[in-house]
């Protein structure tokens, strides 16, 4: 959670206010995914690092639906999400070039992404998608500034908008390094985007039934999935020096 009250307000004050108002119970009545959760401490527990990633993603998704402008339109859900995604925000701020303190800028754009998130179409990996969408917008908006300052480091981490969801969990900051590599590979033509998405999904899927499910999603036999996964990993390994120079 943010310790600096400038970014999303006071975390202790938010927790106290929402719990006193029975907000989580009200949210649970509106979205059954939150059934059984009665307070903010329950939400933070199920979305913390080390918790079940599938359950964490479900809970974050429920909060996104509550926070979205075309969903519950709930400002408190927005504030809670900003705090829950604080580790990812701080990770982005540490990776992106720009002013010394990018956190307020990232929080502002993340708020916009939460409010406009297409929750009907993108139904998983909410935290990772929100952080990466935020990063994409900030890179795109900063491109003009970087173009006018050739001495400033530019990195090809912007990524094409597509309909593929990125598989991850609420600890999305841990996935950003891997996703950075994959998005760089897609933008520079190192590997086909579909192969990179397939690699990411197969990496996040449990062995056995999970990998078979990914293969079916791409219309492949599991053995063919393994061959393409091995080929893509080899291509990425061969391009690792180029990525390190760019990053």
C-alpha atoms as a PDB file:
ATOM      1  CA  UNK A   1       0.000   0.000   0.000  1.00  0.00           C
ATOM      2  CA  UNK A   2       1.109   3.588  -0.530  1.00  0.00           C
ATOM      3  CA  UNK A   3       2.742   5.117   2.524  1.00  0.00           C
ATOM      4  CA  UNK A   4       2.678   8.581   0.982  1.00  0.00           C
ATOM      5  CA  UNK A   5      -0.786  10.113   1.342  1.00  0.00           C
ATOM      6  CA  UNK A   6      -0.270  12.271  -1.740  1.00  0.00           C
ATOM      7  CA  UNK A   7      -0.842   9.402  -4.159  1.00  0.00           C
ATOM      8  CA  UNK A   8      -4.193   7.873  -3.178  1.00  0.00           C
ATOM      9  CA  UNK A   9      -4.972   9.312   0.242  1.00  0.00           C
ATOM     10  CA  UNK A  10      -4.308   7.733   3.618  1.00  0.00           C
ATOM     11  CA  UNK A  11      -4.497   3.944   3.599  1.00  0.00           C
ATOM     12  CA  UNK A  12      -5.401   3.611   7.323  1.00  0.00           C
ATOM     13  CA  UNK A  13      -8.110   6.265   6.940  1.00  0.00           C
ATOM     14  CA  UNK A  14      -9.533   4.517   3.874  1.00  0.00           C
ATOM     15  CA  UNK A  15      -9.639   1.150   5.648  1.00  0.00           C
ATOM     16  CA  UNK A  16     -11.315   2.645   8.715  1.00  0.00           C
ATOM     17  CA  UNK A  17     -13.917   4.501   6.691  1.00  0.00           C
ATOM     18  CA  UNK A  18     -14.835   1.576   4.417  1.00  0.00           C
ATOM     19  CA  UNK A  19     -15.032  -0.906   7.277  1.00  0.00           C
ATOM     20  CA  UNK A  20     -17.157   1.441   9.390  1.00  0.00           C
ATOM     21  CA  UNK A  21     -19.610   1.784   6.498  1.00  0.00           C
ATOM     22  CA  UNK A  22     -19.759  -1.976   5.819  1.00  0.00           C
ATOM     23  CA  UNK A  23     -18.617  -1.283   2.262  1.00  0.00           C
ATOM     24  CA  UNK A  24     -17.204  -4.731   1.513  1.00  0.00           C
ATOM     25  CA  UNK A  25     -20.490  -6.385   2.530  1.00  0.00           C
ATOM     26  CA  UNK A  26     -22.325  -3.984   0.225  1.00  0.00           C
ATOM     27  CA  UNK A  27     -19.911  -4.788  -2.601  1.00  0.00           C
ATOM     28  CA  UNK A  28     -20.359  -8.519  -1.982  1.00  0.00           C
ATOM     29  CA  UNK A  29     -24.111  -8.103  -2.369  1.00  0.00           C
ATOM     30  CA  UNK A  30     -23.511  -6.475  -5.749  1.00  0.00           C
ATOM     31  CA  UNK A  31     -20.863  -8.950  -6.976  1.00  0.00           C
ATOM     32  CA  UNK A  32     -21.007 -12.584  -5.798  1.00  0.00           C
ATOM     33  CA  UNK A  33     -17.265 -13.018  -6.411  1.00  0.00           C
ATOM     34  CA  UNK A  34     -16.760 -11.129  -3.136  1.00  0.00           C
ATOM     35  CA  UNK A  35     -19.101 -13.381  -1.155  1.00  0.00           C
ATOM     36  CA  UNK A  36     -17.546 -14.292   2.192  1.00  0.00           C
ATOM     37  CA  UNK A  37     -15.382 -11.185   2.381  1.00  0.00           C
ATOM     38  CA  UNK A  38     -16.549  -8.825   5.101  1.00  0.00           C
ATOM     39  CA  UNK A  39     -13.763  -6.273   5.479  1.00  0.00           C
ATOM     40  CA  UNK A  40     -10.798  -4.667   3.777  1.00  0.00           C
ATOM     41  CA  UNK A  41      -8.412  -6.949   5.659  1.00  0.00           C
ATOM     42  CA  UNK A  42     -10.024  -9.933   3.927  1.00  0.00           C
ATOM     43  CA  UNK A  43      -9.519  -8.342   0.518  1.00  0.00           C
ATOM     44  CA  UNK A  44      -5.882  -7.529   1.243  1.00  0.00           C
ATOM     45  CA  UNK A  45      -5.304 -11.072   2.509  1.00  0.00           C
ATOM     46  CA  UNK A  46      -6.643 -12.802  -0.599  1.00  0.00           C
ATOM     47  CA  UNK A  47      -4.767 -10.445  -2.954  1.00  0.00           C
ATOM     48  CA  UNK A  48      -1.429 -10.459  -1.114  1.00  0.00           C
ATOM     49  CA  UNK A  49       1.720 -12.033  -2.515  1.00  0.00           C
ATOM     50  CA  UNK A  50       1.669 -15.757  -1.896  1.00  0.00           C
ATOM     51  CA  UNK A  51      -2.127 -15.992  -1.955  1.00  0.00           C
ATOM     52  CA  UNK A  52      -4.006 -18.115  -4.496  1.00  0.00           C
ATOM     53  CA  UNK A  53      -3.417 -16.211  -7.776  1.00  0.00           C
ATOM     54  CA  UNK A  54      -6.716 -17.307  -9.328  1.00  0.00           C
ATOM     55  CA  UNK A  55      -8.728 -16.119  -6.336  1.00  0.00           C
ATOM     56  CA  UNK A  56      -6.709 -12.897  -6.218  1.00  0.00           C
ATOM     57  CA  UNK A  57      -7.463 -12.239  -9.875  1.00  0.00           C
ATOM     58  CA  UNK A  58     -11.175 -12.869  -9.310  1.00  0.00           C
ATOM     59  CA  UNK A  59     -11.286 -10.389  -6.425  1.00  0.00           C
ATOM     60  CA  UNK A  60      -9.356  -7.719  -8.318  1.00  0.00           C
ATOM     61  CA  UNK A  61     -11.721  -8.265 -11.247  1.00  0.00           C
ATOM     62  CA  UNK A  62     -14.740  -7.703  -9.004  1.00  0.00           C
ATOM     63  CA  UNK A  63     -13.204  -4.449  -7.763  1.00  0.00           C
ATOM     64  CA  UNK A  64     -12.529  -3.372 -11.340  1.00  0.00           C
ATOM     65  CA  UNK A  65     -16.170  -3.937 -12.245  1.00  0.00           C
ATOM     66  CA  UNK A  66     -17.244  -1.924  -9.217  1.00  0.00           C
ATOM     67  CA  UNK A  67     -14.805   0.886 -10.018  1.00  0.00           C
ATOM     68  CA  UNK A  68     -15.369   1.168 -13.778  1.00  0.00           C
ATOM     69  CA  UNK A  69     -17.358   4.117 -15.027  1.00  0.00           C
ATOM     70  CA  UNK A  70     -19.702   1.806 -16.938  1.00  0.00           C
ATOM     71  CA  UNK A  71     -19.893  -0.617 -14.010  1.00  0.00           C
ATOM     72  CA  UNK A  72     -20.453   0.250 -10.372  1.00  0.00           C
ATOM     73  CA  UNK A  73     -18.928   3.728 -10.792  1.00  0.00           C
ATOM     74  CA  UNK A  74     -17.649   3.504  -7.197  1.00  0.00           C
ATOM     75  CA  UNK A  75     -14.888   5.959  -6.283  1.00  0.00           C
ATOM     76  CA  UNK A  76     -13.933   3.977  -3.161  1.00  0.00           C
ATOM     77  CA  UNK A  77     -13.286   0.887  -5.286  1.00  0.00           C
ATOM     78  CA  UNK A  78     -10.945   3.014  -7.410  1.00  0.00           C
ATOM     79  CA  UNK A  79      -9.010   4.141  -4.330  1.00  0.00           C
ATOM     80  CA  UNK A  80      -8.755   0.598  -3.029  1.00  0.00           C
ATOM     81  CA  UNK A  81      -7.437  -0.663  -6.367  1.00  0.00           C
ATOM     82  CA  UNK A  82      -4.814   2.090  -6.488  1.00  0.00           C
ATOM     83  CA  UNK A  83      -3.489   0.964  -3.115  1.00  0.00           C
ATOM     84  CA  UNK A  84      -3.632  -2.740  -4.016  1.00  0.00           C
ATOM     85  CA  UNK A  85      -1.623  -2.025  -7.189  1.00  0.00           C
ATOM     86  CA  UNK A  86       0.894   0.211  -5.412  1.00  0.00           C
ATOM     87  CA  UNK A  87       3.772  -2.265  -5.751  1.00  0.00           C
ATOM     88  CA  UNK A  88       3.238  -2.358  -9.512  1.00  0.00           C
ATOM     89  CA  UNK A  89       3.051   1.433  -9.680  1.00  0.00           C
ATOM     90  CA  UNK A  90       6.323   1.809  -7.797  1.00  0.00           C
ATOM     91  CA  UNK A  91       7.937  -0.812 -10.024  1.00  0.00           C
ATOM     92  CA  UNK A  92       6.874   1.113 -13.137  1.00  0.00           C
ATOM     93  CA  UNK A  93       8.150   4.371 -11.672  1.00  0.00           C
ATOM     94  CA  UNK A  94      11.541   2.755 -11.111  1.00  0.00           C
ATOM     95  CA  UNK A  95      11.781   1.451 -14.682  1.00  0.00           C
ATOM     96  CA  UNK A  96      10.526   4.360 -16.773  1.00  0.00           C
ATOM     97  CA  UNK A  97      12.704   7.327 -17.776  1.00  0.00           C
ATOM     98  CA  UNK A  98      11.442  10.774 -16.912  1.00  0.00           C
ATOM     99  CA  UNK A  99      11.205  13.113 -13.917  1.00  0.00           C
ATOM    100  CA  UNK A 100      12.516  11.854 -10.568  1.00  0.00           C
ATOM    101  CA  UNK A 101       9.028  11.295  -9.158  1.00  0.00           C
ATOM    102  CA  UNK A 102       6.765   9.637 -11.723  1.00  0.00           C
ATOM    103  CA  UNK A 103       4.426   8.065  -9.191  1.00  0.00           C
ATOM    104  CA  UNK A 104       1.734  10.798  -9.302  1.00  0.00           C
ATOM    105  CA  UNK A 105       1.718  10.668 -13.109  1.00  0.00           C
ATOM    106  CA  UNK A 106       1.383   6.877 -13.112  1.00  0.00           C
ATOM    107  CA  UNK A 107      -1.360   6.964 -10.476  1.00  0.00           C
ATOM    108  CA  UNK A 108      -3.313   9.525 -12.516  1.00  0.00           C
ATOM    109  CA  UNK A 109      -3.147   7.409 -15.671  1.00  0.00           C
ATOM    110  CA  UNK A 110      -3.867   4.206 -13.756  1.00  0.00           C
ATOM    111  CA  UNK A 111      -7.004   5.854 -12.395  1.00  0.00           C
ATOM    112  CA  UNK A 112      -8.130   6.563 -15.953  1.00  0.00           C
ATOM    113  CA  UNK A 113      -7.413   2.959 -16.955  1.00  0.00           C
ATOM    114  CA  UNK A 114      -9.420   1.607 -14.023  1.00  0.00           C
ATOM    115  CA  UNK A 115     -12.371   3.852 -14.835  1.00  0.00           C
ATOM    116  CA  UNK A 116     -12.362   2.858 -18.518  1.00  0.00           C
ATOM    117  CA  UNK A 117     -11.292  -0.793 -18.273  1.00  0.00           C
ATOM    118  CA  UNK A 118     -13.199  -2.980 -20.793  1.00  0.00           C
ATOM    119  CA  UNK A 119     -14.246  -5.504 -18.143  1.00  0.00           C
ATOM    120  CA  UNK A 120     -16.873  -7.176 -20.326  1.00  0.00           C
ATOM    121  CA  UNK A 121     -14.266  -8.183 -22.901  1.00  0.00           C
ATOM    122  CA  UNK A 122     -11.126  -8.674 -20.816  1.00  0.00           C
ATOM    123  CA  UNK A 123     -11.961 -11.069 -18.055  1.00  0.00           C
ATOM    124  CA  UNK A 124      -8.682 -12.123 -16.468  1.00  0.00           C
ATOM    125  CA  UNK A 125      -5.243 -10.847 -15.440  1.00  0.00           C
ATOM    126  CA  UNK A 126      -6.799  -7.567 -14.355  1.00  0.00           C
ATOM    127  CA  UNK A 127      -3.831  -6.230 -12.402  1.00  0.00           C
ATOM    128  CA  UNK A 128      -1.273  -7.000 -15.103  1.00  0.00           C
ATOM    129  CA  UNK A 129      -3.505  -5.576 -17.826  1.00  0.00           C
ATOM    130  CA  UNK A 130      -4.144  -2.357 -15.907  1.00  0.00           C
ATOM    131  CA  UNK A 131      -0.461  -1.763 -15.212  1.00  0.00           C
ATOM    132  CA  UNK A 132       0.602  -2.592 -18.755  1.00  0.00           C
ATOM    133  CA  UNK A 133      -2.129  -0.435 -20.296  1.00  0.00           C
ATOM    134  CA  UNK A 134      -0.938   2.392 -18.070  1.00  0.00           C
ATOM    135  CA  UNK A 135       2.645   1.846 -19.125  1.00  0.00           C
ATOM    136  CA  UNK A 136       1.649   1.773 -22.798  1.00  0.00           C
ATOM    137  CA  UNK A 137      -0.134   5.123 -22.594  1.00  0.00           C
ATOM    138  CA  UNK A 138       2.713   6.792 -20.727  1.00  0.00           C
ATOM    139  CA  UNK A 139       5.317   5.515 -23.195  1.00  0.00           C
ATOM    140  CA  UNK A 140       3.178   6.681 -26.110  1.00  0.00           C
ATOM    141  CA  UNK A 141       2.591  10.129 -24.608  1.00  0.00           C
ATOM    142  CA  UNK A 142       6.278  10.477 -23.784  1.00  0.00           C
ATOM    143  CA  UNK A 143       7.406   9.534 -27.291  1.00  0.00           C
ATOM    144  CA  UNK A 144       7.256  13.124 -28.583  1.00  0.00           C
ATOM    145  CA  UNK A 145       9.374  14.364 -25.702  1.00  0.00           C
ATOM    146  CA  UNK A 146      11.924  11.594 -26.162  1.00  0.00           C
ATOM    147  CA  UNK A 147      12.067  12.229 -29.920  1.00  0.00           C
ATOM    148  CA  UNK A 148      13.077  15.825 -29.208  1.00  0.00           C
ATOM    149  CA  UNK A 149      15.745  14.726 -26.738  1.00  0.00           C
ATOM    150  CA  UNK A 150      17.940  12.171 -28.516  1.00  0.00           C
ATOM    151  CA  UNK A 151      20.384  12.053 -25.617  1.00  0.00           C
ATOM    152  CA  UNK A 152      17.612  10.628 -23.415  1.00  0.00           C
ATOM    153  CA  UNK A 153      17.406   6.845 -23.297  1.00  0.00           C
ATOM    154  CA  UNK A 154      14.485   5.438 -25.265  1.00  0.00           C
ATOM    155  CA  UNK A 155      13.349   1.871 -24.912  1.00  0.00           C
ATOM    156  CA  UNK A 156      11.066   0.000 -27.309  1.00  0.00           C
ATOM    157  CA  UNK A 157       8.708  -1.251 -24.627  1.00  0.00           C
ATOM    158  CA  UNK A 158       5.484   0.227 -26.039  1.00  0.00           C
ATOM    159  CA  UNK A 159       3.211  -2.532 -27.226  1.00  0.00           C
ATOM    160  CA  UNK A 160       0.477  -2.922 -29.798  1.00  0.00           C
ATOM    161  CA  UNK A 161      -3.106  -2.919 -28.606  1.00  0.00           C
ATOM    162  CA  UNK A 162      -4.691  -6.326 -29.121  1.00  0.00           C
ATOM    163  CA  UNK A 163      -7.524  -8.433 -27.799  1.00  0.00           C
ATOM    164  CA  UNK A 164      -5.350 -11.031 -26.128  1.00  0.00           C
ATOM    165  CA  UNK A 165      -5.452 -10.857 -22.338  1.00  0.00           C
ATOM    166  CA  UNK A 166      -2.173 -11.177 -20.475  1.00  0.00           C
ATOM    167  CA  UNK A 167      -2.245 -13.972 -17.946  1.00  0.00           C
ATOM    168  CA  UNK A 168      -0.988 -12.950 -14.525  1.00  0.00           C
ATOM    169  CA  UNK A 169      -2.158 -12.375 -10.959  1.00  0.00           C
ATOM    170  CA  UNK A 170      -2.532  -9.572  -8.474  1.00  0.00           C
ATOM    171  CA  UNK A 171       1.222  -9.559  -7.898  1.00  0.00           C
ATOM    172  CA  UNK A 172       1.565  -8.193 -11.405  1.00  0.00           C
ATOM    173  CA  UNK A 173       4.739  -6.246 -10.632  1.00  0.00           C
ATOM    174  CA  UNK A 174       6.522  -9.605 -10.543  1.00  0.00           C
ATOM    175  CA  UNK A 175       5.347 -10.290 -14.118  1.00  0.00           C
ATOM    176  CA  UNK A 176       6.461  -6.964 -15.572  1.00  0.00           C
ATOM    177  CA  UNK A 177      10.031  -8.037 -16.375  1.00  0.00           C
ATOM    178  CA  UNK A 178       8.842 -11.089 -18.330  1.00  0.00           C
ATOM    179  CA  UNK A 179       6.122  -9.121 -20.092  1.00  0.00           C
ATOM    180  CA  UNK A 180       8.611  -6.370 -20.941  1.00  0.00           C
ATOM    181  CA  UNK A 181      10.713  -8.956 -22.759  1.00  0.00           C
ATOM    182  CA  UNK A 182       7.735 -10.403 -24.633  1.00  0.00           C
ATOM    183  CA  UNK A 183       6.349  -7.023 -25.676  1.00  0.00           C
ATOM    184  CA  UNK A 184       9.796  -5.912 -26.841  1.00  0.00           C
ATOM    185  CA  UNK A 185      10.091  -9.114 -28.859  1.00  0.00           C
ATOM    186  CA  UNK A 186       6.697  -8.507 -30.494  1.00  0.00           C
ATOM    187  CA  UNK A 187       7.419  -4.876 -31.368  1.00  0.00           C
ATOM    188  CA  UNK A 188      10.867  -5.619 -32.808  1.00  0.00           C
ATOM    189  CA  UNK A 189       9.736  -8.670 -34.787  1.00  0.00           C
ATOM    190  CA  UNK A 190      11.888 -11.125 -32.868  1.00  0.00           C
ATOM    191  CA  UNK A 191       8.951 -13.539 -32.660  1.00  0.00           C
ATOM    192  CA  UNK A 192       5.297 -13.541 -33.821  1.00  0.00           C
ATOM    193  CA  UNK A 193       2.945 -11.952 -31.237  1.00  0.00           C
ATOM    194  CA  UNK A 194       0.716 -15.048 -31.130  1.00  0.00           C
ATOM    195  CA  UNK A 195       3.700 -17.242 -30.274  1.00  0.00           C
ATOM    196  CA  UNK A 196       4.676 -14.842 -27.491  1.00  0.00           C
ATOM    197  CA  UNK A 197       1.159 -14.792 -26.050  1.00  0.00           C
ATOM    198  CA  UNK A 198       1.067 -18.584 -26.247  1.00  0.00           C
ATOM    199  CA  UNK A 199       4.416 -18.758 -24.443  1.00  0.00           C
ATOM    200  CA  UNK A 200       3.186 -16.474 -21.665  1.00  0.00           C
ATOM    201  CA  UNK A 201      -0.035 -18.407 -21.191  1.00  0.00           C
ATOM    202  CA  UNK A 202       1.775 -21.750 -21.161  1.00  0.00           C
ATOM    203  CA  UNK A 203       4.317 -20.427 -18.635  1.00  0.00           C
ATOM    204  CA  UNK A 204       1.495 -19.368 -16.310  1.00  0.00           C
ATOM    205  CA  UNK A 205      -0.577 -22.538 -16.806  1.00  0.00           C
ATOM    206  CA  UNK A 206      -0.025 -25.543 -14.529  1.00  0.00           C
ATOM    207  CA  UNK A 207       1.597 -28.555 -16.142  1.00  0.00           C
ATOM    208  CA  UNK A 208      -0.750 -31.193 -17.496  1.00  0.00           C
ATOM    209  CA  UNK A 209      -4.382 -30.057 -17.890  1.00  0.00           C
ATOM    210  CA  UNK A 210      -3.412 -26.385 -17.872  1.00  0.00           C
ATOM    211  CA  UNK A 211      -1.012 -26.777 -20.800  1.00  0.00           C
ATOM    212  CA  UNK A 212      -3.557 -28.893 -22.682  1.00  0.00           C
ATOM    213  CA  UNK A 213      -6.122 -26.117 -22.233  1.00  0.00           C
ATOM    214  CA  UNK A 214      -3.701 -23.561 -23.698  1.00  0.00           C
ATOM    215  CA  UNK A 215      -3.037 -25.861 -26.649  1.00  0.00           C
ATOM    216  CA  UNK A 216      -6.768 -26.210 -27.331  1.00  0.00           C
ATOM    217  CA  UNK A 217      -7.177 -22.427 -27.161  1.00  0.00           C
ATOM    218  CA  UNK A 218      -4.677 -22.113 -30.004  1.00  0.00           C
ATOM    219  CA  UNK A 219      -6.017 -25.107 -31.931  1.00  0.00           C
ATOM    220  CA  UNK A 220      -2.902 -27.191 -31.356  1.00  0.00           C
ATOM    221  CA  UNK A 221      -1.988 -30.579 -30.000  1.00  0.00           C
ATOM    222  CA  UNK A 222      -0.082 -30.327 -26.725  1.00  0.00           C
ATOM    223  CA  UNK A 223       3.064 -31.716 -28.409  1.00  0.00           C
ATOM    224  CA  UNK A 224       2.875 -28.973 -31.049  1.00  0.00           C
ATOM    225  CA  UNK A 225       2.496 -26.411 -28.272  1.00  0.00           C
ATOM    226  CA  UNK A 226       5.655 -27.741 -26.621  1.00  0.00           C
ATOM    227  CA  UNK A 227       7.591 -27.532 -29.900  1.00  0.00           C
ATOM    228  CA  UNK A 228       6.507 -23.925 -30.545  1.00  0.00           C
ATOM    229  CA  UNK A 229       7.212 -23.005 -26.941  1.00  0.00           C
ATOM    230  CA  UNK A 230      10.743 -24.433 -27.171  1.00  0.00           C
ATOM    231  CA  UNK A 231      11.349 -22.640 -30.481  1.00  0.00           C
ATOM    232  CA  UNK A 232      10.127 -19.309 -29.084  1.00  0.00           C
ATOM    233  CA  UNK A 233      12.281 -19.652 -25.980  1.00  0.00           C
ATOM    234  CA  UNK A 234      15.319 -20.351 -28.171  1.00  0.00           C
ATOM    235  CA  UNK A 235      14.617 -17.257 -30.287  1.00  0.00           C
ATOM    236  CA  UNK A 236      14.271 -15.095 -27.169  1.00  0.00           C
ATOM    237  CA  UNK A 237      17.473 -16.487 -25.707  1.00  0.00           C
ATOM    238  CA  UNK A 238      19.332 -15.701 -28.924  1.00  0.00           C
ATOM    239  CA  UNK A 239      18.033 -12.115 -28.801  1.00  0.00           C
ATOM    240  CA  UNK A 240      18.782 -11.575 -25.111  1.00  0.00           C
ATOM    241  CA  UNK A 241      21.807  -9.331 -25.714  1.00  0.00           C
ATOM    242  CA  UNK A 242      19.741  -7.052 -27.982  1.00  0.00           C
ATOM    243  CA  UNK A 243      17.025  -6.786 -25.314  1.00  0.00           C
ATOM    244  CA  UNK A 244      19.519  -5.927 -22.576  1.00  0.00           C
ATOM    245  CA  UNK A 245      21.029  -3.183 -24.729  1.00  0.00           C
ATOM    246  CA  UNK A 246      17.572  -1.739 -25.407  1.00  0.00           C
ATOM    247  CA  UNK A 247      16.416  -1.963 -21.801  1.00  0.00           C
END
